[in-house]
């Protein structure tokens, strides 16, 4: 993957990141999600990678990765919040979502309209 493919951000080629600063692993059946904070090549900035690793056979996994840059955090979280809230409120209102934070309203600038952050 080239820097041009990554919107011109100074991201080193896959497998040669300088530092992984923080990581969270989320097991989910045959899938595992990884949320990683990494440094750019210069070491002066940070970005997030979200990786889905899906077991497709006993010896093989497929991986899909999303690179998320700081200038997009608000837009990404607002959109994610909006679509999850739609599913919870409109499509599956009776479903018992476990460990789901309270979904208060978020405006277009990513600001919460009140309420506690977690159930």
Protein backbone atom coordinates (compact mmCIF):
# COMPACT_ATOMS: atom_id res chain seq x y z
CA UNK A 1 0.00 0.00 0.00
CA UNK A 2 1.50 3.34 -0.98
CA UNK A 3 1.29 6.68 0.77
CA UNK A 4 -0.91 7.88 -2.11
CA UNK A 5 -3.35 5.08 -1.33
CA UNK A 6 -3.40 6.29 2.28
CA UNK A 7 -4.39 9.86 1.36
CA UNK A 8 -0.83 11.16 1.49
CA UNK A 9 -0.32 10.44 5.18
CA UNK A 10 3.18 9.58 6.24
CA UNK A 11 2.50 5.93 6.98
CA UNK A 12 5.23 3.34 6.57
CA UNK A 13 4.59 0.19 4.53
CA UNK A 14 2.71 -2.61 6.27
CA UNK A 15 4.88 -4.67 8.66
CA UNK A 16 7.32 -1.81 9.27
CA UNK A 17 5.49 0.50 11.68
CA UNK A 18 7.78 2.22 14.11
CA UNK A 19 5.78 1.77 17.29
CA UNK A 20 2.52 0.34 18.43
CA UNK A 21 1.57 2.63 21.30
CA UNK A 22 -1.67 1.07 22.53
CA UNK A 23 -3.77 -1.92 21.52
CA UNK A 24 -7.16 -3.44 22.35
CA UNK A 25 -8.23 -6.92 21.26
CA UNK A 26 -11.94 -7.72 20.93
CA UNK A 27 -12.70 -11.44 20.45
CA UNK A 28 -16.03 -12.06 18.69
CA UNK A 29 -16.54 -15.72 17.76
CA UNK A 30 -14.67 -16.55 14.54
CA UNK A 31 -13.65 -12.91 14.25
CA UNK A 32 -11.24 -10.87 16.31
CA UNK A 33 -11.02 -7.10 16.10
CA UNK A 34 -7.87 -5.18 16.93
CA UNK A 35 -7.79 -1.46 17.67
CA UNK A 36 -4.21 -0.21 17.56
CA UNK A 37 -2.63 3.22 18.03
CA UNK A 38 0.55 3.52 15.99
CA UNK A 39 3.10 6.21 15.26
CA UNK A 40 3.77 7.62 11.84
CA UNK A 41 7.18 7.16 10.25
CA UNK A 42 8.31 10.54 11.61
CA UNK A 43 7.30 9.47 15.11
CA UNK A 44 5.63 12.83 15.63
CA UNK A 45 2.03 11.84 14.94
CA UNK A 46 -0.36 8.98 15.54
CA UNK A 47 -3.09 7.06 13.73
CA UNK A 48 -5.45 4.21 14.55
CA UNK A 49 -5.77 0.94 12.70
CA UNK A 50 -8.85 -1.23 13.03
CA UNK A 51 -8.22 -4.79 11.92
CA UNK A 52 -10.76 -7.55 11.49
CA UNK A 53 -9.20 -11.01 11.55
CA UNK A 54 -11.61 -13.73 10.46
CA UNK A 55 -10.87 -17.45 10.67
CA UNK A 56 -11.78 -19.00 7.32
CA UNK A 57 -10.23 -22.41 8.00
CA UNK A 58 -8.24 -24.09 10.75
CA UNK A 59 -4.99 -22.74 9.34
CA UNK A 60 -6.05 -19.55 7.52
CA UNK A 61 -7.26 -16.11 8.54
CA UNK A 62 -8.43 -13.22 6.38
CA UNK A 63 -7.53 -9.75 7.58
CA UNK A 64 -9.10 -6.44 6.67
CA UNK A 65 -7.64 -3.18 7.90
CA UNK A 66 -8.92 0.39 8.17
CA UNK A 67 -6.53 3.29 8.77
CA UNK A 68 -8.07 6.16 10.72
CA UNK A 69 -6.35 9.53 11.03
CA UNK A 70 -6.84 12.08 13.80
CA UNK A 71 -8.59 14.59 11.54
CA UNK A 72 -11.26 11.97 10.83
CA UNK A 73 -11.87 10.68 14.39
CA UNK A 74 -14.92 12.89 15.01
CA UNK A 75 -16.58 12.14 11.68
CA UNK A 76 -15.91 8.41 12.04
CA UNK A 77 -17.23 8.15 15.60
CA UNK A 78 -20.28 10.28 14.81
CA UNK A 79 -21.19 8.09 11.82
CA UNK A 80 -20.55 4.86 13.77
CA UNK A 81 -22.66 6.13 16.64
CA UNK A 82 -25.45 7.14 14.25
CA UNK A 83 -25.69 3.79 12.47
CA UNK A 84 -25.49 1.76 15.71
CA UNK A 85 -28.17 3.99 17.28
CA UNK A 86 -30.36 3.43 14.21
CA UNK A 87 -30.06 -0.36 14.54
CA UNK A 88 -30.72 -0.24 18.30
CA UNK A 89 -33.64 2.21 18.16
CA UNK A 90 -35.26 1.47 14.79
CA UNK A 91 -34.36 -2.04 13.64
CA UNK A 92 -33.87 -4.13 16.79
CA UNK A 93 -35.48 -2.19 19.65
CA UNK A 94 -36.21 -5.32 21.71
CA UNK A 95 -32.78 -6.92 21.37
CA UNK A 96 -30.61 -7.16 24.50
CA UNK A 97 -27.36 -5.53 23.39
CA UNK A 98 -24.73 -6.46 25.96
CA UNK A 99 -21.98 -4.08 27.08
CA UNK A 100 -23.28 -1.31 24.82
CA UNK A 101 -22.64 2.24 26.05
CA UNK A 102 -25.69 4.49 26.28
CA UNK A 103 -26.32 6.02 22.88
CA UNK A 104 -27.15 9.65 23.54
CA UNK A 105 -27.71 12.00 20.64
CA UNK A 106 -24.59 13.35 18.95
CA UNK A 107 -24.71 16.40 16.71
CA UNK A 108 -22.78 16.80 13.45
CA UNK A 109 -19.75 18.12 15.38
CA UNK A 110 -19.63 15.00 17.53
CA UNK A 111 -20.95 16.67 20.70
CA UNK A 112 -23.15 14.66 23.06
CA UNK A 113 -26.52 16.08 24.05
CA UNK A 114 -26.34 14.82 27.61
CA UNK A 115 -27.04 11.70 29.54
CA UNK A 116 -24.53 9.38 31.08
CA UNK A 117 -21.98 7.93 28.74
CA UNK A 118 -22.51 4.29 29.74
CA UNK A 119 -25.36 2.11 30.87
